[in-house]
Amino acid sequence: MDLFTWLNNQLLKMQWLYDMVKQLVENVFGLKISEPLGGSIHFFIYDVVKIFILLSILIFCISYIQSYFPPERTRKILGRFNGITANILGALLGTITPFCSCSSIPLFIGFTSAGLPIGVTFSFLISSPLVDLASVLLLASIFNWKIAIAYVVVGLILAVAGGTVISLAKLEKYVEPFVYGSKVMEVAQESLTRRDRMEFGKEQVLSIIKKVWLYILIGVGIGALIHNWIPESVISAVLGQDKWYSVLLATLVGVPMYADIFGTLPIAEALVLKGVGLGTALSFMMAVTALSLPSMIMLKKVVKTKLLVIFAGTVTLGIIIIGYSFNAFGYLFL
């Protein structure tokens, strides 16, 4: 075993934690992890503790970086570019800035009223909740680095493509008029010290954990249920790789749901372990993350129905294409 594999197993996948929880379940609880009850308890404790440890560390580090990219600075950076270059940059900035899908209204109003093309804004809004550094590392800890990197690439492609379609369609007239009339305040950025940035990182850890802890518990609980109690034959009958509609069904089921990516990851993990295609599991995860019902409701307040339908339809189609592609070539990443 090389050094990278050892570090990856111990630091990212936390093999030491897996073994520790196994000892707890078998020696203290008197259960076998090879049986449904013991396996469920092991899956739940191990995944919850691992996700919270990784999430806390990652949020702190990422928030430290994010302290250099407040919304006003992000807007100024995007305003220097145009065309597909601006869409690409918008998608890339979305991966490192601290905004979730429910930040849609203030971001859309701020960016659009400042003169940024709506296509660039949508590229940012797609990538921001869909692809971030924390989710990438968590994907690597659950699956592997190939899948994590591939997810980043397809997520960015989806964000750029979605924004580009909206730009080319010239849909500015479907933005509510009051958005263009909103004033953008130029806020002078404070010169933050290292201590200020570390304090910001701590605050972000507490803030985000408070928002997502319930979704993580629910997601891991569902994952444990799928992994240890639902027969593989049942899951395969509904979402098996041989079912042509599996990706379509997973995407459509995920669209109206509301959950954080950290809560959907354990569900995707359990589905893949049960033989569901990688593309099917990722399609569900992407649909829940990029097209959550609250963000669609909030966006409806600032854009007209036609633009919202085109946006949701474009992203949904992209997710479906990505899902079928991963199912066809997923063996390359496992």
C-alpha atoms as a PDB file:
ATOM      1  CA  MET A   1       0.000   0.000   0.000  1.00  0.00           C
ATOM      2  CA  ASP A   2       1.485   3.360  -1.056  1.00  0.00           C
ATOM      3  CA  LEU A   3       1.506   6.457   1.158  1.00  0.00           C
ATOM      4  CA  PHE A   4      -1.329   8.204  -0.722  1.00  0.00           C
ATOM      5  CA  THR A   5      -3.636   5.183  -0.370  1.00  0.00           C
ATOM      6  CA  TRP A   6      -2.856   4.911   3.341  1.00  0.00           C
ATOM      7  CA  LEU A   7      -3.480   8.626   3.943  1.00  0.00           C
ATOM      8  CA  ASN A   8      -6.660   8.499   1.860  1.00  0.00           C
ATOM      9  CA  ASN A   9      -7.992   5.519   3.820  1.00  0.00           C
ATOM     10  CA  GLN A  10      -7.075   6.862   7.256  1.00  0.00           C
ATOM     11  CA  LEU A  11      -7.747  10.601   6.858  1.00  0.00           C
ATOM     12  CA  LEU A  12     -10.523  10.765   4.283  1.00  0.00           C
ATOM     13  CA  LYS A  13     -12.311   7.422   4.488  1.00  0.00           C
ATOM     14  CA  MET A  14     -11.435   7.196   8.222  1.00  0.00           C
ATOM     15  CA  GLN A  15     -10.762   3.463   8.306  1.00  0.00           C
ATOM     16  CA  TRP A  16      -9.751   3.877  11.959  1.00  0.00           C
ATOM     17  CA  LEU A  17     -13.237   5.177  12.738  1.00  0.00           C
ATOM     18  CA  TYR A  18     -14.852   2.302  10.802  1.00  0.00           C
ATOM     19  CA  ASP A  19     -12.887  -0.212  12.890  1.00  0.00           C
ATOM     20  CA  MET A  20     -13.623   1.649  16.128  1.00  0.00           C
ATOM     21  CA  VAL A  21     -17.385   1.697  15.476  1.00  0.00           C
ATOM     22  CA  LYS A  22     -17.235  -1.977  14.487  1.00  0.00           C
ATOM     23  CA  GLN A  23     -15.666  -2.794  17.863  1.00  0.00           C
ATOM     24  CA  LEU A  24     -18.369  -0.733  19.592  1.00  0.00           C
ATOM     25  CA  VAL A  25     -21.221  -2.481  17.802  1.00  0.00           C
ATOM     26  CA  GLU A  26     -19.866  -6.024  18.124  1.00  0.00           C
ATOM     27  CA  ASN A  27     -18.161  -5.926  21.543  1.00  0.00           C
ATOM     28  CA  VAL A  28     -20.331  -3.430  23.444  1.00  0.00           C
ATOM     29  CA  PHE A  29     -23.739  -3.829  21.758  1.00  0.00           C
ATOM     30  CA  GLY A  30     -23.220  -7.538  21.082  1.00  0.00           C
ATOM     31  CA  LEU A  31     -24.383  -7.290  17.470  1.00  0.00           C
ATOM     32  CA  LYS A  32     -22.817  -8.436  14.214  1.00  0.00           C
ATOM     33  CA  ILE A  33     -22.394  -5.847  11.473  1.00  0.00           C
ATOM     34  CA  SER A  34     -23.055  -8.597   8.937  1.00  0.00           C
ATOM     35  CA  GLU A  35     -26.661  -8.717  10.186  1.00  0.00           C
ATOM     36  CA  PRO A  36     -29.297  -6.033   9.389  1.00  0.00           C
ATOM     37  CA  LEU A  37     -29.587  -4.440  12.845  1.00  0.00           C
ATOM     38  CA  GLY A  38     -25.879  -4.387  13.593  1.00  0.00           C
ATOM     39  CA  GLY A  39     -25.079  -3.265  10.058  1.00  0.00           C
ATOM     40  CA  SER A  40     -27.595  -0.426  10.269  1.00  0.00           C
ATOM     41  CA  ILE A  41     -26.246   0.828  13.599  1.00  0.00           C
ATOM     42  CA  HIS A  42     -22.673   0.621  12.303  1.00  0.00           C
ATOM     43  CA  PHE A  43     -23.569   2.407   9.039  1.00  0.00           C
ATOM     44  CA  PHE A  44     -25.421   5.176  10.935  1.00  0.00           C
ATOM     45  CA  ILE A  45     -22.799   5.882  13.613  1.00  0.00           C
ATOM     46  CA  TYR A  46     -19.831   5.631  11.249  1.00  0.00           C
ATOM     47  CA  ASP A  47     -21.310   7.826   8.495  1.00  0.00           C
ATOM     48  CA  VAL A  48     -22.728  10.465  10.860  1.00  0.00           C
ATOM     49  CA  VAL A  49     -19.478  10.882  12.814  1.00  0.00           C
ATOM     50  CA  LYS A  50     -17.344  10.816   9.657  1.00  0.00           C
ATOM     51  CA  ILE A  51     -19.483  13.390   7.839  1.00  0.00           C
ATOM     52  CA  PHE A  52     -19.595  15.755  10.822  1.00  0.00           C
ATOM     53  CA  ILE A  53     -15.822  15.541  11.372  1.00  0.00           C
ATOM     54  CA  LEU A  54     -15.014  16.117   7.700  1.00  0.00           C
ATOM     55  CA  LEU A  55     -17.672  18.787   7.336  1.00  0.00           C
ATOM     56  CA  SER A  56     -16.439  20.791  10.320  1.00  0.00           C
ATOM     57  CA  ILE A  57     -12.834  20.751   9.149  1.00  0.00           C
ATOM     58  CA  LEU A  58     -13.714  21.460   5.520  1.00  0.00           C
ATOM     59  CA  ILE A  59     -16.197  24.246   6.268  1.00  0.00           C
ATOM     60  CA  PHE A  60     -13.627  25.998   8.444  1.00  0.00           C
ATOM     61  CA  CYS A  61     -10.896  25.798   5.784  1.00  0.00           C
ATOM     62  CA  ILE A  62     -13.223  26.734   2.921  1.00  0.00           C
ATOM     63  CA  SER A  63     -14.803  29.591   4.889  1.00  0.00           C
ATOM     64  CA  TYR A  64     -11.338  30.997   5.509  1.00  0.00           C
ATOM     65  CA  ILE A  65     -10.866  31.111   1.729  1.00  0.00           C
ATOM     66  CA  GLN A  66     -14.392  32.404   1.218  1.00  0.00           C
ATOM     67  CA  SER A  67     -13.695  35.368   3.487  1.00  0.00           C
ATOM     68  CA  TYR A  68     -11.783  36.813   0.523  1.00  0.00           C
ATOM     69  CA  PHE A  69     -14.861  36.521  -1.743  1.00  0.00           C
ATOM     70  CA  PRO A  70     -17.850  38.455  -0.336  1.00  0.00           C
ATOM     71  CA  PRO A  71     -20.792  38.959  -2.759  1.00  0.00           C
ATOM     72  CA  GLU A  72     -19.673  42.438  -3.833  1.00  0.00           C
ATOM     73  CA  ARG A  73     -16.180  41.282  -4.720  1.00  0.00           C
ATOM     74  CA  THR A  74     -17.584  38.264  -6.563  1.00  0.00           C
ATOM     75  CA  ARG A  75     -19.842  40.581  -8.582  1.00  0.00           C
ATOM     76  CA  LYS A  76     -16.922  42.837  -9.500  1.00  0.00           C
ATOM     77  CA  ILE A  77     -14.809  39.909 -10.669  1.00  0.00           C
ATOM     78  CA  LEU A  78     -17.619  38.543 -12.845  1.00  0.00           C
ATOM     79  CA  GLY A  79     -18.319  42.001 -14.283  1.00  0.00           C
ATOM     80  CA  ARG A  80     -14.902  42.123 -15.952  1.00  0.00           C
ATOM     81  CA  PHE A  81     -15.722  39.309 -18.366  1.00  0.00           C
ATOM     82  CA  ASN A  82     -18.375  38.480 -20.951  1.00  0.00           C
ATOM     83  CA  GLY A  83     -19.527  35.615 -23.183  1.00  0.00           C
ATOM     84  CA  ILE A  84     -18.787  32.009 -22.356  1.00  0.00           C
ATOM     85  CA  THR A  85     -15.666  33.110 -20.444  1.00  0.00           C
ATOM     86  CA  ALA A  86     -17.936  34.884 -17.975  1.00  0.00           C
ATOM     87  CA  ASN A  87     -20.137  31.765 -17.700  1.00  0.00           C
ATOM     88  CA  ILE A  88     -17.100  29.591 -16.990  1.00  0.00           C
ATOM     89  CA  LEU A  89     -15.790  32.029 -14.397  1.00  0.00           C
ATOM     90  CA  GLY A  90     -19.251  32.303 -12.836  1.00  0.00           C
ATOM     91  CA  ALA A  91     -19.420  28.513 -12.524  1.00  0.00           C
ATOM     92  CA  LEU A  92     -15.913  28.328 -11.036  1.00  0.00           C
ATOM     93  CA  LEU A  93     -16.607  31.081  -8.522  1.00  0.00           C
ATOM     94  CA  GLY A  94     -19.763  29.245  -7.527  1.00  0.00           C
ATOM     95  CA  THR A  95     -17.623  26.368  -6.236  1.00  0.00           C
ATOM     96  CA  ILE A  96     -15.731  28.489  -3.710  1.00  0.00           C
ATOM     97  CA  THR A  97     -18.302  31.029  -2.578  1.00  0.00           C
ATOM     98  CA  PRO A  98     -20.548  30.478   0.474  1.00  0.00           C
ATOM     99  CA  PHE A  99     -23.976  30.580  -1.137  1.00  0.00           C
ATOM    100  CA  CYS A 100     -26.629  27.866  -1.175  1.00  0.00           C
ATOM    101  CA  SER A 101     -29.549  27.505  -3.588  1.00  0.00           C
ATOM    102  CA  CYS A 102     -31.805  29.455  -1.201  1.00  0.00           C
ATOM    103  CA  SER A 103     -29.658  32.572  -1.671  1.00  0.00           C
ATOM    104  CA  SER A 104     -31.296  32.908  -5.100  1.00  0.00           C
ATOM    105  CA  ILE A 105     -33.252  36.148  -4.592  1.00  0.00           C
ATOM    106  CA  PRO A 106     -30.558  38.454  -3.133  1.00  0.00           C
ATOM    107  CA  LEU A 107     -27.899  37.084  -5.471  1.00  0.00           C
ATOM    108  CA  PHE A 108     -30.081  37.330  -8.562  1.00  0.00           C
ATOM    109  CA  ILE A 109     -31.198  40.874  -7.732  1.00  0.00           C
ATOM    110  CA  GLY A 110     -27.695  42.009  -6.805  1.00  0.00           C
ATOM    111  CA  PHE A 111     -25.910  40.517  -9.800  1.00  0.00           C
ATOM    112  CA  THR A 112     -28.581  41.346 -12.389  1.00  0.00           C
ATOM    113  CA  SER A 113     -29.185  44.929 -11.218  1.00  0.00           C
ATOM    114  CA  ALA A 114     -25.429  45.475 -11.345  1.00  0.00           C
ATOM    115  CA  GLY A 115     -25.504  44.718 -15.068  1.00  0.00           C
ATOM    116  CA  LEU A 116     -24.285  41.132 -15.162  1.00  0.00           C
ATOM    117  CA  PRO A 117     -25.905  39.008 -17.914  1.00  0.00           C
ATOM    118  CA  ILE A 118     -28.549  36.703 -16.471  1.00  0.00           C
ATOM    119  CA  GLY A 119     -26.827  33.721 -18.078  1.00  0.00           C
ATOM    120  CA  VAL A 120     -23.708  34.361 -15.982  1.00  0.00           C
ATOM    121  CA  THR A 121     -25.830  34.699 -12.863  1.00  0.00           C
ATOM    122  CA  PHE A 122     -27.535  31.378 -13.582  1.00  0.00           C
ATOM    123  CA  SER A 123     -24.183  29.635 -14.161  1.00  0.00           C
ATOM    124  CA  PHE A 124     -23.198  30.863 -10.710  1.00  0.00           C
ATOM    125  CA  LEU A 125     -26.503  29.810  -9.149  1.00  0.00           C
ATOM    126  CA  ILE A 126     -26.271  26.287 -10.616  1.00  0.00           C
ATOM    127  CA  SER A 127     -22.709  25.587  -9.546  1.00  0.00           C
ATOM    128  CA  SER A 128     -22.833  27.215  -6.102  1.00  0.00           C
ATOM    129  CA  PRO A 129     -25.063  24.595  -4.412  1.00  0.00           C
ATOM    130  CA  LEU A 130     -24.119  21.762  -6.775  1.00  0.00           C
ATOM    131  CA  VAL A 131     -20.320  21.768  -6.660  1.00  0.00           C
ATOM    132  CA  ASP A 132     -18.318  22.913  -3.661  1.00  0.00           C
ATOM    133  CA  LEU A 133     -15.025  21.818  -2.161  1.00  0.00           C
ATOM    134  CA  ALA A 134     -16.638  20.153   0.854  1.00  0.00           C
ATOM    135  CA  SER A 135     -18.931  17.967  -1.260  1.00  0.00           C
ATOM    136  CA  VAL A 136     -15.995  16.976  -3.476  1.00  0.00           C
ATOM    137  CA  LEU A 137     -13.947  15.702  -0.561  1.00  0.00           C
ATOM    138  CA  LEU A 138     -16.962  13.966   0.956  1.00  0.00           C
ATOM    139  CA  LEU A 139     -17.601  12.271  -2.396  1.00  0.00           C
ATOM    140  CA  ALA A 140     -13.989  11.092  -2.409  1.00  0.00           C
ATOM    141  CA  SER A 141     -14.364   9.772   1.147  1.00  0.00           C
ATOM    142  CA  ILE A 142     -17.512   7.812   0.247  1.00  0.00           C
ATOM    143  CA  PHE A 143     -16.608   6.684  -3.281  1.00  0.00           C
ATOM    144  CA  ASN A 144     -13.193   7.574  -4.714  1.00  0.00           C
ATOM    145  CA  TRP A 145     -11.243  10.442  -6.248  1.00  0.00           C
ATOM    146  CA  LYS A 146     -12.149   9.500  -9.820  1.00  0.00           C
ATOM    147  CA  ILE A 147     -15.851   9.877  -9.098  1.00  0.00           C
ATOM    148  CA  ALA A 148     -15.318  13.085  -7.103  1.00  0.00           C
ATOM    149  CA  ILE A 149     -13.319  14.729  -9.900  1.00  0.00           C
ATOM    150  CA  ALA A 150     -15.736  13.511 -12.575  1.00  0.00           C
ATOM    151  CA  TYR A 151     -18.628  14.955 -10.547  1.00  0.00           C
ATOM    152  CA  VAL A 152     -16.897  18.348 -10.398  1.00  0.00           C
ATOM    153  CA  VAL A 153     -16.262  18.345 -14.137  1.00  0.00           C
ATOM    154  CA  VAL A 154     -19.817  17.427 -15.140  1.00  0.00           C
ATOM    155  CA  GLY A 155     -21.258  19.818 -12.538  1.00  0.00           C
ATOM    156  CA  LEU A 156     -19.256  22.713 -13.977  1.00  0.00           C
ATOM    157  CA  ILE A 157     -20.190  21.715 -17.537  1.00  0.00           C
ATOM    158  CA  LEU A 158     -23.855  21.691 -16.522  1.00  0.00           C
ATOM    159  CA  ALA A 159     -23.528  25.137 -14.916  1.00  0.00           C
ATOM    160  CA  VAL A 160     -21.771  26.623 -17.945  1.00  0.00           C
ATOM    161  CA  ALA A 161     -24.167  24.977 -20.412  1.00  0.00           C
ATOM    162  CA  GLY A 162     -27.250  26.073 -18.479  1.00  0.00           C
ATOM    163  CA  GLY A 163     -26.071  29.655 -18.239  1.00  0.00           C
ATOM    164  CA  THR A 164     -25.024  29.713 -21.900  1.00  0.00           C
ATOM    165  CA  VAL A 165     -28.434  28.467 -23.091  1.00  0.00           C
ATOM    166  CA  ILE A 166     -30.141  31.223 -21.107  1.00  0.00           C
ATOM    167  CA  SER A 167     -27.701  33.818 -22.459  1.00  0.00           C
ATOM    168  CA  LEU A 168     -28.219  32.777 -26.083  1.00  0.00           C
ATOM    169  CA  ALA A 169     -32.008  32.719 -25.683  1.00  0.00           C
ATOM    170  CA  LYS A 170     -32.009  36.444 -24.759  1.00  0.00           C
ATOM    171  CA  LEU A 171     -34.429  36.010 -21.867  1.00  0.00           C
ATOM    172  CA  GLU A 172     -33.782  39.288 -20.068  1.00  0.00           C
ATOM    173  CA  LYS A 173     -37.366  40.422 -20.711  1.00  0.00           C
ATOM    174  CA  TYR A 174     -38.620  37.574 -18.517  1.00  0.00           C
ATOM    175  CA  VAL A 175     -36.943  39.043 -15.450  1.00  0.00           C
ATOM    176  CA  GLU A 176     -39.340  41.002 -13.238  1.00  0.00           C
ATOM    177  CA  PRO A 177     -38.896  44.759 -13.924  1.00  0.00           C
ATOM    178  CA  PHE A 178     -38.229  45.694 -10.296  1.00  0.00           C
ATOM    179  CA  VAL A 179     -34.987  43.678 -10.384  1.00  0.00           C
ATOM    180  CA  TYR A 180     -33.375  46.089 -12.848  1.00  0.00           C
ATOM    181  CA  GLY A 181     -34.498  49.050 -10.772  1.00  0.00           C
ATOM    182  CA  SER A 182     -32.892  47.820  -7.576  1.00  0.00           C
ATOM    183  CA  LYS A 183     -29.942  49.819  -6.363  1.00  0.00           C
ATOM    184  CA  VAL A 184     -26.687  48.062  -5.685  1.00  0.00           C
ATOM    185  CA  MET A 185     -24.831  49.339  -2.687  1.00  0.00           C
ATOM    186  CA  GLU A 186     -21.088  49.607  -2.992  1.00  0.00           C
ATOM    187  CA  VAL A 187     -19.817  48.297   0.313  1.00  0.00           C
ATOM    188  CA  ALA A 188     -16.219  48.985   1.237  1.00  0.00           C
ATOM    189  CA  GLN A 189     -14.556  45.719   2.125  1.00  0.00           C
ATOM    190  CA  GLU A 190     -12.924  45.656   5.515  1.00  0.00           C
ATOM    191  CA  SER A 191      -9.351  44.547   5.823  1.00  0.00           C
ATOM    192  CA  LEU A 192      -9.821  41.378   7.810  1.00  0.00           C
ATOM    193  CA  THR A 193      -7.044  40.057  10.018  1.00  0.00           C
ATOM    194  CA  ARG A 194      -6.123  36.392  10.228  1.00  0.00           C
ATOM    195  CA  ARG A 195      -7.969  36.225  13.554  1.00  0.00           C
ATOM    196  CA  ASP A 196     -11.076  37.751  11.931  1.00  0.00           C
ATOM    197  CA  ARG A 197     -10.979  35.148   9.160  1.00  0.00           C
ATOM    198  CA  MET A 198     -10.544  32.312  11.670  1.00  0.00           C
ATOM    199  CA  GLU A 199     -13.484  33.652  13.671  1.00  0.00           C
ATOM    200  CA  PHE A 200     -15.508  33.813  10.456  1.00  0.00           C
ATOM    201  CA  GLY A 201     -14.577  30.175   9.787  1.00  0.00           C
ATOM    202  CA  LYS A 202     -15.784  29.114  13.246  1.00  0.00           C
ATOM    203  CA  GLU A 203     -19.046  31.019  12.798  1.00  0.00           C
ATOM    204  CA  GLN A 204     -19.617  29.377   9.421  1.00  0.00           C
ATOM    205  CA  VAL A 205     -19.024  25.908  10.876  1.00  0.00           C
ATOM    206  CA  LEU A 206     -21.648  26.483  13.573  1.00  0.00           C
ATOM    207  CA  SER A 207     -24.059  28.172  11.172  1.00  0.00           C
ATOM    208  CA  ILE A 208     -23.896  25.501   8.470  1.00  0.00           C
ATOM    209  CA  ILE A 209     -23.926  22.564  10.907  1.00  0.00           C
ATOM    210  CA  LYS A 210     -27.090  24.015  12.491  1.00  0.00           C
ATOM    211  CA  LYS A 211     -28.702  24.152   9.046  1.00  0.00           C
ATOM    212  CA  VAL A 212     -27.736  20.701   7.793  1.00  0.00           C
ATOM    213  CA  TRP A 213     -27.493  18.415  10.841  1.00  0.00           C
ATOM    214  CA  LEU A 214     -31.069  17.190  10.563  1.00  0.00           C
ATOM    215  CA  TYR A 215     -30.728  16.459   6.827  1.00  0.00           C
ATOM    216  CA  ILE A 216     -27.527  14.526   7.508  1.00  0.00           C
ATOM    217  CA  LEU A 217     -29.221  12.390  10.181  1.00  0.00           C
ATOM    218  CA  ILE A 218     -32.224  11.747   7.934  1.00  0.00           C
ATOM    219  CA  GLY A 219     -30.024  11.025   4.909  1.00  0.00           C
ATOM    220  CA  VAL A 220     -27.765   8.619   6.802  1.00  0.00           C
ATOM    221  CA  GLY A 221     -30.819   6.966   8.373  1.00  0.00           C
ATOM    222  CA  ILE A 222     -32.359   6.392   4.933  1.00  0.00           C
ATOM    223  CA  GLY A 223     -28.998   5.153   3.684  1.00  0.00           C
ATOM    224  CA  ALA A 224     -28.738   2.657   6.555  1.00  0.00           C
ATOM    225  CA  LEU A 225     -32.277   1.472   5.846  1.00  0.00           C
ATOM    226  CA  ILE A 226     -31.580   0.980   2.133  1.00  0.00           C
ATOM    227  CA  HIS A 227     -28.219  -0.686   2.738  1.00  0.00           C
ATOM    228  CA  ASN A 228     -29.262  -3.171   5.402  1.00  0.00           C
ATOM    229  CA  TRP A 229     -33.020  -3.770   5.235  1.00  0.00           C
ATOM    230  CA  ILE A 230     -34.250  -3.379   1.660  1.00  0.00           C
ATOM    231  CA  PRO A 231     -33.358  -6.432  -0.471  1.00  0.00           C
ATOM    232  CA  GLU A 232     -31.135  -5.771  -3.455  1.00  0.00           C
ATOM    233  CA  SER A 233     -33.709  -7.471  -5.684  1.00  0.00           C
ATOM    234  CA  VAL A 234     -36.334  -4.858  -4.741  1.00  0.00           C
ATOM    235  CA  ILE A 235     -34.047  -1.903  -5.456  1.00  0.00           C
ATOM    236  CA  SER A 236     -32.835  -3.471  -8.699  1.00  0.00           C
ATOM    237  CA  ALA A 237     -36.425  -4.023  -9.810  1.00  0.00           C
ATOM    238  CA  VAL A 238     -37.066  -0.276  -9.528  1.00  0.00           C
ATOM    239  CA  LEU A 239     -33.715   1.409 -10.151  1.00  0.00           C
ATOM    240  CA  GLY A 240     -31.505  -1.337 -11.583  1.00  0.00           C
ATOM    241  CA  GLN A 241     -28.984  -0.466 -14.272  1.00  0.00           C
ATOM    242  CA  ASP A 242     -30.978  -2.531 -16.757  1.00  0.00           C
ATOM    243  CA  LYS A 243     -34.000  -0.245 -16.330  1.00  0.00           C
ATOM    244  CA  TRP A 244     -33.970   2.432 -19.037  1.00  0.00           C
ATOM    245  CA  TYR A 245     -36.084   4.771 -16.921  1.00  0.00           C
ATOM    246  CA  SER A 246     -33.963   4.609 -13.737  1.00  0.00           C
ATOM    247  CA  VAL A 247     -32.136   7.902 -14.302  1.00  0.00           C
ATOM    248  CA  LEU A 248     -35.312   9.659 -15.398  1.00  0.00           C
ATOM    249  CA  LEU A 249     -37.203   8.415 -12.336  1.00  0.00           C
ATOM    250  CA  ALA A 250     -34.387   9.311  -9.908  1.00  0.00           C
ATOM    251  CA  THR A 251     -34.158  12.828 -11.362  1.00  0.00           C
ATOM    252  CA  LEU A 252     -37.890  13.491 -11.301  1.00  0.00           C
ATOM    253  CA  VAL A 253     -38.168  12.171  -7.736  1.00  0.00           C
ATOM    254  CA  GLY A 254     -35.271  14.379  -6.639  1.00  0.00           C
ATOM    255  CA  VAL A 255     -36.484  17.646  -8.216  1.00  0.00           C
ATOM    256  CA  PRO A 256     -39.310  18.478  -5.765  1.00  0.00           C
ATOM    257  CA  MET A 257     -37.354  17.378  -2.685  1.00  0.00           C
ATOM    258  CA  TYR A 258     -35.489  19.692  -0.352  1.00  0.00           C
ATOM    259  CA  ALA A 259     -32.272  18.482   1.227  1.00  0.00           C
ATOM    260  CA  ASP A 260     -28.635  19.435   1.411  1.00  0.00           C
ATOM    261  CA  ILE A 261     -26.015  17.613  -0.644  1.00  0.00           C
ATOM    262  CA  PHE A 262     -24.524  16.312   2.609  1.00  0.00           C
ATOM    263  CA  GLY A 263     -27.791  14.588   3.405  1.00  0.00           C
ATOM    264  CA  THR A 264     -28.143  13.032  -0.045  1.00  0.00           C
ATOM    265  CA  LEU A 265     -24.605  11.622  -0.209  1.00  0.00           C
ATOM    266  CA  PRO A 266     -25.278   8.706   2.208  1.00  0.00           C
ATOM    267  CA  ILE A 267     -28.405   7.821   0.208  1.00  0.00           C
ATOM    268  CA  ALA A 268     -26.382   7.793  -3.028  1.00  0.00           C
ATOM    269  CA  GLU A 269     -23.755   5.632  -1.308  1.00  0.00           C
ATOM    270  CA  ALA A 270     -26.338   3.076  -0.162  1.00  0.00           C
ATOM    271  CA  LEU A 271     -27.978   2.951  -3.598  1.00  0.00           C
ATOM    272  CA  VAL A 272     -24.666   2.278  -5.354  1.00  0.00           C
ATOM    273  CA  LEU A 273     -23.775  -0.431  -2.809  1.00  0.00           C
ATOM    274  CA  LYS A 274     -27.118  -2.081  -3.636  1.00  0.00           C
ATOM    275  CA  GLY A 275     -26.298  -2.236  -7.331  1.00  0.00           C
ATOM    276  CA  VAL A 276     -27.975   0.964  -8.541  1.00  0.00           C
ATOM    277  CA  GLY A 277     -26.103   2.623 -11.388  1.00  0.00           C
ATOM    278  CA  LEU A 278     -23.680   5.377 -10.413  1.00  0.00           C
ATOM    279  CA  GLY A 279     -25.400   7.752 -12.830  1.00  0.00           C
ATOM    280  CA  THR A 280     -28.814   7.044 -11.297  1.00  0.00           C
ATOM    281  CA  ALA A 281     -27.557   7.808  -7.783  1.00  0.00           C
ATOM    282  CA  LEU A 282     -25.738  10.976  -8.869  1.00  0.00           C
ATOM    283  CA  SER A 283     -28.771  12.163 -10.862  1.00  0.00           C
ATOM    284  CA  PHE A 284     -30.908  11.944  -7.738  1.00  0.00           C
ATOM    285  CA  MET A 285     -28.291  13.817  -5.734  1.00  0.00           C
ATOM    286  CA  MET A 286     -27.856  16.563  -8.348  1.00  0.00           C
ATOM    287  CA  ALA A 287     -31.600  17.048  -8.800  1.00  0.00           C
ATOM    288  CA  VAL A 288     -32.176  17.472  -5.070  1.00  0.00           C
ATOM    289  CA  THR A 289     -29.250  19.898  -4.795  1.00  0.00           C
ATOM    290  CA  ALA A 290     -29.605  22.056  -7.915  1.00  0.00           C
ATOM    291  CA  LEU A 291     -33.392  22.185  -8.225  1.00  0.00           C
ATOM    292  CA  SER A 292     -34.687  22.215  -4.667  1.00  0.00           C
ATOM    293  CA  LEU A 293     -38.302  23.286  -4.346  1.00  0.00           C
ATOM    294  CA  PRO A 294     -37.602  26.277  -2.037  1.00  0.00           C
ATOM    295  CA  SER A 295     -35.070  27.758  -4.478  1.00  0.00           C
ATOM    296  CA  MET A 296     -37.553  27.390  -7.363  1.00  0.00           C
ATOM    297  CA  ILE A 297     -40.271  29.115  -5.324  1.00  0.00           C
ATOM    298  CA  MET A 298     -37.909  31.936  -4.416  1.00  0.00           C
ATOM    299  CA  LEU A 299     -36.689  32.370  -7.995  1.00  0.00           C
ATOM    300  CA  LYS A 300     -40.288  32.615  -9.168  1.00  0.00           C
ATOM    301  CA  LYS A 301     -40.506  35.900  -7.257  1.00  0.00           C
ATOM    302  CA  VAL A 302     -37.853  37.537  -9.455  1.00  0.00           C
ATOM    303  CA  VAL A 303     -38.320  35.847 -12.847  1.00  0.00           C
ATOM    304  CA  LYS A 304     -41.368  35.105 -14.961  1.00  0.00           C
ATOM    305  CA  THR A 305     -42.694  31.608 -15.458  1.00  0.00           C
ATOM    306  CA  LYS A 306     -41.184  31.099 -18.926  1.00  0.00           C
ATOM    307  CA  LEU A 307     -37.632  31.816 -17.736  1.00  0.00           C
ATOM    308  CA  LEU A 308     -38.077  29.625 -14.664  1.00  0.00           C
ATOM    309  CA  VAL A 309     -39.388  26.735 -16.793  1.00  0.00           C
ATOM    310  CA  ILE A 310     -36.518  27.079 -19.287  1.00  0.00           C
ATOM    311  CA  PHE A 311     -33.970  27.173 -16.452  1.00  0.00           C
ATOM    312  CA  ALA A 312     -35.441  24.160 -14.632  1.00  0.00           C
ATOM    313  CA  GLY A 313     -35.935  22.242 -17.879  1.00  0.00           C
ATOM    314  CA  THR A 314     -32.382  22.888 -19.082  1.00  0.00           C
ATOM    315  CA  VAL A 315     -30.845  21.778 -15.789  1.00  0.00           C
ATOM    316  CA  THR A 316     -33.133  18.725 -15.542  1.00  0.00           C
ATOM    317  CA  LEU A 317     -32.233  17.654 -19.092  1.00  0.00           C
ATOM    318  CA  GLY A 318     -28.550  18.127 -18.317  1.00  0.00           C
ATOM    319  CA  ILE A 319     -28.798  16.014 -15.164  1.00  0.00           C
ATOM    320  CA  ILE A 320     -30.565  13.232 -17.082  1.00  0.00           C
ATOM    321  CA  ILE A 321     -27.895  13.226 -19.809  1.00  0.00           C
ATOM    322  CA  ILE A 322     -25.147  13.155 -17.164  1.00  0.00           C
ATOM    323  CA  GLY A 323     -26.900  10.287 -15.370  1.00  0.00           C
ATOM    324  CA  TYR A 324     -27.186   8.094 -18.443  1.00  0.00           C
ATOM    325  CA  SER A 325     -23.563   8.883 -19.354  1.00  0.00           C
ATOM    326  CA  PHE A 326     -22.346   7.804 -15.911  1.00  0.00           C
ATOM    327  CA  ASN A 327     -24.437   4.629 -16.094  1.00  0.00           C
ATOM    328  CA  ALA A 328     -22.910   3.799 -19.469  1.00  0.00           C
ATOM    329  CA  PHE A 329     -19.325   4.520 -18.492  1.00  0.00           C
ATOM    330  CA  GLY A 330     -19.488   4.323 -14.700  1.00  0.00           C
ATOM    331  CA  TYR A 331     -17.311   1.202 -14.655  1.00  0.00           C
ATOM    332  CA  LEU A 332     -14.381   3.465 -15.547  1.00  0.00           C
ATOM    333  CA  PHE A 333     -14.695   5.259 -12.210  1.00  0.00           C
ATOM    334  CA  LEU A 334     -15.369   2.377  -9.791  1.00  0.00           C
END
